[in-house]
N, C-alpha and C. Protein backbone atom coordinates (compact mmCIF):
# COMPACT_ATOMS: atom_id res chain seq x y z
N MET A 1 4.89 34.97 -34.27
CA MET A 1 3.86 34.79 -33.27
C MET A 1 4.05 33.46 -32.56
N ASP A 2 3.76 33.45 -31.28
CA ASP A 2 3.84 32.23 -30.49
C ASP A 2 2.69 31.29 -30.81
N LYS A 3 2.92 30.00 -30.55
CA LYS A 3 1.83 29.04 -30.71
C LYS A 3 0.73 29.33 -29.69
N LYS A 4 1.14 29.84 -28.52
CA LYS A 4 0.17 30.20 -27.48
C LYS A 4 -0.79 31.26 -27.99
N ASP A 5 -0.26 32.26 -28.64
CA ASP A 5 -1.08 33.36 -29.14
C ASP A 5 -2.07 32.88 -30.19
N ILE A 6 -1.62 32.01 -31.06
CA ILE A 6 -2.49 31.47 -32.10
C ILE A 6 -3.61 30.66 -31.47
N LEU A 7 -3.28 29.86 -30.49
CA LEU A 7 -4.27 29.03 -29.82
C LEU A 7 -5.29 29.89 -29.08
N SER A 8 -4.81 30.91 -28.37
CA SER A 8 -5.75 31.75 -27.63
C SER A 8 -6.66 32.51 -28.59
N GLN A 9 -6.15 32.96 -29.71
CA GLN A 9 -6.98 33.66 -30.70
C GLN A 9 -8.01 32.71 -31.30
N GLU A 10 -7.59 31.49 -31.54
CA GLU A 10 -8.49 30.48 -32.09
C GLU A 10 -9.63 30.17 -31.12
N ILE A 11 -9.29 29.99 -29.85
CA ILE A 11 -10.30 29.72 -28.83
C ILE A 11 -11.24 30.91 -28.69
N LYS A 12 -10.69 32.10 -28.70
CA LYS A 12 -11.51 33.31 -28.58
C LYS A 12 -12.48 33.42 -29.76
N SER A 13 -12.02 33.14 -30.96
CA SER A 13 -12.90 33.24 -32.13
C SER A 13 -14.00 32.17 -32.08
N ILE A 14 -13.66 30.97 -31.62
CA ILE A 14 -14.67 29.91 -31.49
C ILE A 14 -15.71 30.30 -30.45
N PHE A 15 -15.26 30.84 -29.34
CA PHE A 15 -16.18 31.27 -28.28
C PHE A 15 -17.11 32.39 -28.78
N GLU A 16 -16.55 33.37 -29.47
CA GLU A 16 -17.38 34.47 -29.98
C GLU A 16 -18.40 33.96 -30.99
N GLU A 17 -17.99 33.01 -31.83
CA GLU A 17 -18.90 32.44 -32.82
C GLU A 17 -20.06 31.70 -32.15
N GLU A 18 -19.74 30.94 -31.10
CA GLU A 18 -20.77 30.19 -30.37
C GLU A 18 -21.69 31.11 -29.59
N ALA A 19 -21.17 32.23 -29.10
CA ALA A 19 -21.95 33.11 -28.24
C ALA A 19 -22.72 34.18 -28.99
N LYS A 20 -22.63 34.21 -30.30
CA LYS A 20 -23.32 35.24 -31.08
C LYS A 20 -24.83 35.26 -30.85
N GLY A 21 -25.45 34.11 -30.87
CA GLY A 21 -26.90 34.04 -30.78
C GLY A 21 -27.44 34.05 -29.35
N LEU A 22 -26.57 34.05 -28.36
CA LEU A 22 -27.03 33.99 -26.98
C LEU A 22 -27.44 35.36 -26.47
N THR A 23 -28.54 35.37 -25.75
CA THR A 23 -28.98 36.62 -25.09
C THR A 23 -29.28 36.30 -23.63
N LEU A 24 -29.01 37.26 -22.78
CA LEU A 24 -29.26 37.08 -21.35
C LEU A 24 -30.52 37.84 -20.97
N SER A 25 -31.30 37.24 -20.08
CA SER A 25 -32.52 37.92 -19.64
C SER A 25 -32.15 39.10 -18.74
N GLU A 26 -33.07 40.02 -18.64
CA GLU A 26 -32.86 41.22 -17.82
C GLU A 26 -32.67 40.83 -16.35
N GLU A 27 -33.41 39.82 -15.92
CA GLU A 27 -33.31 39.35 -14.53
C GLU A 27 -31.91 38.82 -14.22
N LEU A 28 -31.36 38.04 -15.15
CA LEU A 28 -30.03 37.48 -14.97
C LEU A 28 -28.98 38.59 -14.97
N LEU A 29 -29.12 39.56 -15.86
CA LEU A 29 -28.18 40.67 -15.89
C LEU A 29 -28.19 41.45 -14.57
N ASN A 30 -29.39 41.70 -14.03
CA ASN A 30 -29.50 42.41 -12.76
C ASN A 30 -28.85 41.61 -11.63
N GLU A 31 -29.05 40.31 -11.64
CA GLU A 31 -28.45 39.45 -10.62
C GLU A 31 -26.92 39.46 -10.72
N LEU A 32 -26.41 39.42 -11.94
CA LEU A 32 -24.96 39.46 -12.14
C LEU A 32 -24.37 40.79 -11.66
N LYS A 33 -25.06 41.88 -11.96
CA LYS A 33 -24.60 43.19 -11.51
C LYS A 33 -24.63 43.29 -10.00
N LYS A 34 -25.67 42.74 -9.39
CA LYS A 34 -25.80 42.77 -7.93
C LYS A 34 -24.67 41.96 -7.28
N ASN A 35 -24.38 40.80 -7.83
CA ASN A 35 -23.33 39.95 -7.28
C ASN A 35 -21.93 40.53 -7.52
N LYS A 36 -21.78 41.27 -8.59
CA LYS A 36 -20.49 41.85 -8.91
C LYS A 36 -20.10 42.91 -7.88
N LYS A 37 -21.07 43.59 -7.32
CA LYS A 37 -20.81 44.66 -6.37
C LYS A 37 -20.41 44.13 -5.00
N LYS A 38 -20.72 42.87 -4.70
CA LYS A 38 -20.42 42.30 -3.39
C LYS A 38 -18.93 42.00 -3.27
N SER A 39 -18.39 42.27 -2.10
CA SER A 39 -16.99 41.94 -1.85
C SER A 39 -16.87 40.45 -1.52
N MET A 40 -15.66 39.97 -1.48
CA MET A 40 -15.43 38.57 -1.18
C MET A 40 -15.88 38.24 0.24
N GLY A 41 -15.65 39.16 1.16
CA GLY A 41 -16.07 38.95 2.55
C GLY A 41 -17.57 38.81 2.67
N GLU A 42 -18.33 39.62 1.91
CA GLU A 42 -19.79 39.52 1.93
C GLU A 42 -20.26 38.18 1.36
N ARG A 43 -19.60 37.72 0.31
CA ARG A 43 -19.97 36.43 -0.28
C ARG A 43 -19.72 35.29 0.69
N ILE A 44 -18.58 35.33 1.37
CA ILE A 44 -18.27 34.30 2.35
C ILE A 44 -19.26 34.35 3.49
N ASN A 45 -19.59 35.55 3.93
CA ASN A 45 -20.55 35.73 5.01
C ASN A 45 -21.92 35.16 4.63
N GLU A 46 -22.36 35.43 3.41
CA GLU A 46 -23.64 34.88 2.92
C GLU A 46 -23.61 33.36 2.94
N PHE A 47 -22.51 32.79 2.49
CA PHE A 47 -22.40 31.33 2.45
C PHE A 47 -22.44 30.74 3.85
N LEU A 48 -21.74 31.36 4.78
CA LEU A 48 -21.68 30.82 6.14
C LEU A 48 -22.97 31.03 6.92
N ASN A 49 -23.78 31.98 6.52
CA ASN A 49 -25.01 32.28 7.25
C ASN A 49 -26.23 31.53 6.71
N ARG A 50 -26.00 30.52 5.90
CA ARG A 50 -27.12 29.73 5.39
C ARG A 50 -27.67 28.83 6.48
N GLU A 51 -28.94 28.58 6.41
CA GLU A 51 -29.60 27.72 7.39
C GLU A 51 -29.44 26.26 6.98
N VAL A 52 -29.05 25.43 7.92
CA VAL A 52 -28.85 24.01 7.66
C VAL A 52 -29.93 23.24 8.41
N GLU A 53 -30.63 22.36 7.71
CA GLU A 53 -31.67 21.55 8.32
C GLU A 53 -31.14 20.14 8.53
N ILE A 54 -31.21 19.67 9.78
CA ILE A 54 -30.77 18.32 10.11
C ILE A 54 -31.97 17.56 10.67
N PRO A 55 -32.33 16.43 10.08
CA PRO A 55 -33.45 15.64 10.61
C PRO A 55 -33.15 15.20 12.04
N ILE A 56 -34.14 15.31 12.92
CA ILE A 56 -33.93 15.08 14.34
C ILE A 56 -33.69 13.60 14.68
N ALA A 57 -34.43 12.68 14.04
CA ALA A 57 -34.30 11.26 14.38
C ALA A 57 -32.90 10.72 14.07
N PRO A 58 -32.37 10.88 12.85
CA PRO A 58 -31.03 10.38 12.59
C PRO A 58 -29.96 11.09 13.45
N ALA A 59 -30.18 12.35 13.74
CA ALA A 59 -29.22 13.08 14.57
C ALA A 59 -29.19 12.49 15.98
N LEU A 60 -30.34 12.17 16.54
CA LEU A 60 -30.39 11.58 17.88
C LEU A 60 -29.77 10.19 17.90
N VAL A 61 -30.07 9.39 16.89
CA VAL A 61 -29.49 8.04 16.81
C VAL A 61 -27.97 8.12 16.69
N GLY A 62 -27.49 9.00 15.85
CA GLY A 62 -26.05 9.18 15.68
C GLY A 62 -25.39 9.66 16.96
N MET A 63 -26.03 10.60 17.63
CA MET A 63 -25.48 11.12 18.88
C MET A 63 -25.44 10.02 19.96
N ALA A 64 -26.52 9.22 20.05
CA ALA A 64 -26.57 8.14 21.03
C ALA A 64 -25.48 7.10 20.74
N ALA A 65 -25.29 6.77 19.47
CA ALA A 65 -24.25 5.80 19.10
C ALA A 65 -22.86 6.34 19.44
N LEU A 66 -22.63 7.60 19.18
CA LEU A 66 -21.34 8.21 19.49
C LEU A 66 -21.07 8.20 20.99
N ILE A 67 -22.07 8.53 21.77
CA ILE A 67 -21.92 8.51 23.23
C ILE A 67 -21.69 7.09 23.73
N ALA A 68 -22.45 6.13 23.18
CA ALA A 68 -22.29 4.74 23.61
C ALA A 68 -20.90 4.21 23.28
N LEU A 69 -20.39 4.55 22.12
CA LEU A 69 -19.05 4.08 21.74
C LEU A 69 -17.96 4.71 22.58
N SER A 70 -18.19 5.93 23.03
CA SER A 70 -17.14 6.59 23.80
C SER A 70 -17.21 6.25 25.29
N VAL A 71 -18.37 5.82 25.80
CA VAL A 71 -18.53 5.55 27.23
C VAL A 71 -18.31 4.08 27.57
N VAL A 72 -18.83 3.18 26.77
CA VAL A 72 -18.77 1.75 27.08
C VAL A 72 -17.39 1.20 26.75
N PRO A 73 -16.77 0.47 27.68
CA PRO A 73 -15.45 -0.13 27.39
C PRO A 73 -15.55 -1.16 26.27
N LYS A 74 -14.46 -1.32 25.54
CA LYS A 74 -14.45 -2.24 24.40
C LYS A 74 -14.69 -3.69 24.80
N ASP A 75 -14.06 -4.12 25.88
CA ASP A 75 -14.11 -5.53 26.22
C ASP A 75 -15.12 -5.85 27.32
N ILE A 76 -16.17 -5.08 27.41
CA ILE A 76 -17.18 -5.30 28.46
C ILE A 76 -17.98 -6.57 28.21
N LEU A 77 -18.12 -6.98 26.97
CA LEU A 77 -18.97 -8.13 26.66
C LEU A 77 -18.20 -9.46 26.65
N LYS A 78 -16.91 -9.43 26.90
CA LYS A 78 -16.15 -10.67 26.91
C LYS A 78 -16.49 -11.48 28.15
N ASN A 79 -16.44 -12.80 27.99
CA ASN A 79 -16.72 -13.69 29.12
C ASN A 79 -15.56 -13.66 30.09
N GLU A 80 -15.89 -13.57 31.35
CA GLU A 80 -14.88 -13.63 32.39
C GLU A 80 -14.96 -15.01 33.04
N GLN A 81 -13.82 -15.52 33.38
CA GLN A 81 -13.79 -16.82 34.06
C GLN A 81 -13.28 -16.60 35.47
N PHE A 82 -14.09 -17.06 36.42
CA PHE A 82 -13.74 -16.94 37.83
C PHE A 82 -13.44 -18.33 38.39
N ARG A 83 -12.46 -18.38 39.24
CA ARG A 83 -12.22 -19.59 40.02
C ARG A 83 -12.31 -19.20 41.48
N THR A 84 -13.11 -19.91 42.18
CA THR A 84 -13.27 -19.64 43.60
C THR A 84 -12.61 -20.76 44.39
N ILE A 85 -11.73 -20.37 45.28
CA ILE A 85 -11.05 -21.34 46.14
C ILE A 85 -11.51 -21.07 47.56
N TYR A 86 -12.10 -22.10 48.17
CA TYR A 86 -12.59 -21.97 49.54
C TYR A 86 -11.52 -22.47 50.51
N ILE A 87 -11.14 -21.62 51.42
CA ILE A 87 -10.17 -21.99 52.45
C ILE A 87 -10.83 -21.74 53.80
N GLY A 88 -11.31 -22.75 54.40
CA GLY A 88 -12.01 -22.62 55.68
C GLY A 88 -13.27 -21.79 55.49
N SER A 89 -13.39 -20.72 56.24
CA SER A 89 -14.56 -19.85 56.11
C SER A 89 -14.29 -18.69 55.15
N SER A 90 -13.13 -18.67 54.53
CA SER A 90 -12.78 -17.60 53.58
C SER A 90 -12.84 -18.14 52.16
N GLU A 91 -12.92 -17.24 51.20
CA GLU A 91 -12.86 -17.64 49.80
C GLU A 91 -11.98 -16.68 49.03
N VAL A 92 -11.24 -17.22 48.09
CA VAL A 92 -10.36 -16.44 47.23
C VAL A 92 -10.92 -16.54 45.82
N ILE A 93 -11.16 -15.39 45.20
CA ILE A 93 -11.70 -15.37 43.84
C ILE A 93 -10.56 -14.98 42.90
N ILE A 94 -10.34 -15.80 41.89
CA ILE A 94 -9.29 -15.54 40.91
C ILE A 94 -9.97 -15.27 39.57
N ARG A 95 -9.71 -14.12 39.03
CA ARG A 95 -10.27 -13.75 37.73
C ARG A 95 -9.25 -14.06 36.66
N GLU A 96 -9.65 -14.77 35.63
CA GLU A 96 -8.74 -15.16 34.56
C GLU A 96 -9.01 -14.34 33.30
N GLN A 97 -8.80 -13.06 33.41
CA GLN A 97 -8.98 -12.19 32.25
C GLN A 97 -8.26 -10.88 32.52
N LYS A 98 -7.93 -10.19 31.45
CA LYS A 98 -7.33 -8.88 31.60
C LYS A 98 -8.34 -7.94 32.22
N GLU A 99 -7.88 -6.88 32.78
CA GLU A 99 -8.81 -5.92 33.36
C GLU A 99 -9.51 -5.13 32.26
N VAL A 100 -10.64 -4.57 32.58
CA VAL A 100 -11.44 -3.82 31.63
C VAL A 100 -10.73 -2.50 31.33
N THR A 101 -10.65 -2.19 30.05
CA THR A 101 -10.01 -0.94 29.66
C THR A 101 -10.98 0.22 29.70
N ARG A 102 -10.48 1.41 29.58
CA ARG A 102 -11.35 2.59 29.63
C ARG A 102 -12.16 2.74 28.36
N LYS A 103 -11.58 2.43 27.22
CA LYS A 103 -12.30 2.62 25.96
C LYS A 103 -12.48 1.31 25.26
């Protein structure tokens, strides 16, 4: 006999010994029978059709933060330095910063 066979027999005997005194209620047995008849597709369908409740306040805050992060450029709050050079009645403005990026 293989060591595997001895081990599986030993585990089986321990399990049977532990389960001798256990009894299942009629309600649980009916539920098990009902679930046994369902196909895998029906079980997946039941799982996917569950109702999910999302609190409105945190959802709105999260959505607003996501929109703000995607719309506002990263470097919008950096200080810009301007130099204005007046030449007669004209003026030349020189910006000393990189241009604002899209994100």
